[in-house]
Amino acid sequence: MFLTHNGDVTPDEDLRAARGVRVKADALQWTFARSSGAGGQNVNKNSTKAMLTIALTDISCSETIRARFEASFDEAIVITCQTSRSQWRNRVLCVEQLVEKLNEASAPPPAPRKKTRPSRGAIERRLDSKKRDSAKKQDRKLKE
């Protein structure tokens, strides 16, 4: 997890995600704008909204992971954050979101489901419930 000023990773350092995915700091393209919404004078005069753009070609990883990235993302990954009043904190949050997206996209697909048969108890419970529902409907017919 990334922390603010005294943390392990800042937005100005090279980025390392799981499974050997690396992104150089100079590949991170930052854009700043004024945040929207309430906030008073801070919103009106400071550009605290952070937008992080990174091209997929700037990410160094193995070929299998690159194929997963190309299937998951377009040509670039764009992350926007404006939750904090601080530009620095919004930058840190953007980096955290980028690492989360990279880790999620680089994860191997889940193992295929192993087909199993329902247990004898499950079959009996299903049949009992069908009998109860049938009896309920039969009672309705007799009352009419």
Protein backbone atom coordinates (compact mmCIF):
# COMPACT_ATOMS: atom_id res chain seq x y z
CA MET A 1 0.00 0.00 0.00
CA PHE A 2 1.23 3.47 -0.79
CA LEU A 3 1.36 6.20 1.80
CA THR A 4 1.83 9.94 1.46
CA HIS A 5 5.09 11.84 1.84
CA ASN A 6 6.85 9.36 4.12
CA GLY A 7 5.63 6.21 2.31
CA ASP A 8 7.50 3.60 0.33
CA VAL A 9 6.49 4.66 -3.17
CA THR A 10 5.70 8.12 -4.45
CA PRO A 11 4.36 9.21 -7.83
CA ASP A 12 7.89 10.30 -8.78
CA GLU A 13 9.47 6.84 -8.44
CA ASP A 14 9.52 3.83 -10.77
CA LEU A 15 6.51 1.63 -10.27
CA ARG A 16 6.67 -2.11 -9.57
CA ALA A 17 3.53 -4.19 -9.58
CA ALA A 18 3.01 -7.91 -9.07
CA ARG A 19 4.29 -10.56 -11.50
CA GLY A 20 7.30 -8.52 -12.65
CA VAL A 21 5.34 -5.61 -14.14
CA ARG A 22 7.40 -2.41 -14.15
CA VAL A 23 6.70 1.14 -15.24
CA LYS A 24 9.36 3.83 -15.36
CA ALA A 25 8.55 7.13 -13.64
CA ASP A 26 9.12 9.15 -16.82
CA ALA A 27 6.45 7.05 -18.62
CA LEU A 28 3.77 8.35 -16.25
CA GLN A 29 2.15 11.36 -17.91
CA TRP A 30 0.49 13.66 -15.38
CA THR A 31 -2.16 16.28 -16.12
CA PHE A 32 -3.70 18.51 -13.51
CA ALA A 33 -6.95 20.47 -13.56
CA ARG A 34 -9.33 22.14 -11.19
CA SER A 35 -11.55 19.71 -9.33
CA SER A 36 -15.30 19.84 -9.71
CA GLY A 37 -17.90 20.00 -6.98
CA ALA A 38 -18.03 21.74 -3.63
CA GLY A 39 -14.89 22.83 -1.88
CA GLY A 40 -14.95 26.58 -1.86
CA GLN A 41 -11.88 28.63 -2.50
CA ASN A 42 -9.53 25.63 -2.59
CA VAL A 43 -11.41 24.21 -5.60
CA ASN A 44 -11.61 27.56 -7.32
CA LYS A 45 -7.91 28.40 -7.23
CA ASN A 46 -5.93 25.12 -7.02
CA SER A 47 -5.51 22.44 -9.67
CA THR A 48 -5.84 19.41 -7.41
CA LYS A 49 -7.49 16.96 -9.83
CA ALA A 50 -4.85 14.51 -11.07
CA MET A 51 -5.08 12.55 -14.34
CA LEU A 52 -2.56 9.80 -14.97
CA THR A 53 -2.04 8.47 -18.50
CA ILE A 54 0.27 5.64 -19.41
CA ALA A 55 0.70 3.94 -22.78
CA LEU A 56 0.71 0.16 -22.80
CA THR A 57 3.96 0.22 -24.75
CA ASP A 58 5.68 1.89 -21.75
CA ILE A 59 4.92 -1.04 -19.45
CA SER A 60 7.69 -3.64 -19.25
CA CYS A 61 6.42 -7.16 -18.65
CA SER A 62 6.40 -10.65 -20.13
CA GLU A 63 4.62 -11.42 -23.40
CA THR A 64 1.81 -13.38 -21.75
CA ILE A 65 1.05 -10.51 -19.39
CA ARG A 66 1.26 -8.02 -22.28
CA ALA A 67 -1.39 -10.05 -24.12
CA ARG A 68 -3.63 -9.86 -21.03
CA PHE A 69 -3.11 -6.08 -20.86
CA GLU A 70 -4.01 -5.65 -24.53
CA ALA A 71 -7.18 -7.65 -23.97
CA SER A 72 -8.10 -5.60 -20.87
CA PHE A 73 -7.14 -2.05 -21.89
CA ASP A 74 -7.08 0.20 -24.94
CA GLU A 75 -3.80 1.72 -26.13
CA ALA A 76 -3.45 3.67 -22.88
CA ILE A 77 -4.60 3.49 -19.29
CA VAL A 78 -6.17 6.71 -17.98
CA ILE A 79 -6.86 7.17 -14.27
CA THR A 80 -8.45 10.27 -12.75
CA CYS A 81 -8.66 11.15 -9.07
CA GLN A 82 -10.12 14.25 -7.42
CA THR A 83 -11.23 12.94 -4.04
CA SER A 84 -8.63 14.75 -1.95
CA ARG A 85 -8.03 18.46 -1.45
CA SER A 86 -4.32 17.85 -2.01
CA GLN A 87 -2.78 17.35 -5.45
CA TRP A 88 -0.08 15.16 -3.91
CA ARG A 89 -2.66 12.87 -2.29
CA ASN A 90 -4.61 12.62 -5.56
CA ARG A 91 -1.39 11.65 -7.36
CA VAL A 92 -0.71 8.92 -4.77
CA LEU A 93 -4.29 7.65 -5.14
CA CYS A 94 -3.86 7.53 -8.94
CA VAL A 95 -0.70 5.45 -8.55
CA GLU A 96 -2.49 3.09 -6.14
CA GLN A 97 -5.35 2.65 -8.63
CA LEU A 98 -2.84 2.00 -11.43
CA VAL A 99 -1.10 -0.72 -9.41
CA GLU A 100 -4.47 -2.27 -8.57
CA LYS A 101 -5.52 -2.30 -12.24
CA LEU A 102 -2.17 -3.75 -13.36
CA ASN A 103 -2.29 -6.48 -10.70
CA GLU A 104 -5.87 -7.36 -11.59
CA ALA A 105 -5.20 -7.48 -15.34
CA SER A 106 -1.94 -9.45 -15.00
CA ALA A 107 -3.50 -12.14 -12.81
CA PRO A 108 -3.84 -15.51 -14.51
CA PRO A 109 -7.36 -16.61 -15.39
CA PRO A 110 -9.11 -18.74 -12.79
CA ALA A 111 -8.93 -22.50 -13.10
CA PRO A 112 -11.83 -24.01 -15.05
CA ARG A 113 -14.71 -25.29 -12.98
CA LYS A 114 -14.58 -28.96 -12.21
CA LYS A 115 -17.95 -30.53 -13.00
CA THR A 116 -19.48 -32.37 -10.10
CA ARG A 117 -22.72 -34.24 -9.54
CA PRO A 118 -25.20 -33.14 -6.89
CA SER A 119 -25.05 -35.19 -3.71
CA ARG A 120 -27.78 -37.64 -2.79
CA GLY A 121 -28.97 -35.32 0.00
CA ALA A 122 -29.23 -32.38 -2.43
CA ILE A 123 -31.26 -34.48 -4.85
CA GLU A 124 -33.59 -35.64 -2.05
CA ARG A 125 -34.08 -32.06 -0.78
CA ARG A 126 -34.93 -30.87 -4.28
CA LEU A 127 -37.43 -33.67 -4.83
CA ASP A 128 -39.02 -33.10 -1.39
CA SER A 129 -39.50 -29.42 -2.17
CA LYS A 130 -41.06 -30.31 -5.52
CA LYS A 131 -43.47 -32.68 -3.77
CA ARG A 132 -44.41 -29.99 -1.22
CA ASP A 133 -45.03 -27.43 -3.98
CA SER A 134 -47.11 -29.96 -5.92
CA ALA A 135 -49.20 -30.78 -2.84
CA LYS A 136 -49.75 -27.06 -2.21
CA LYS A 137 -51.07 -26.61 -5.74
CA GLN A 138 -53.27 -29.69 -5.43
CA ASP A 139 -54.82 -28.23 -2.24
CA ARG A 140 -55.62 -25.05 -4.13
CA LYS A 141 -57.45 -27.02 -6.83
CA LEU A 142 -59.52 -28.91 -4.23
CA LYS A 143 -60.61 -25.65 -2.52
CA GLU A 144 -62.05 -24.25 -5.76
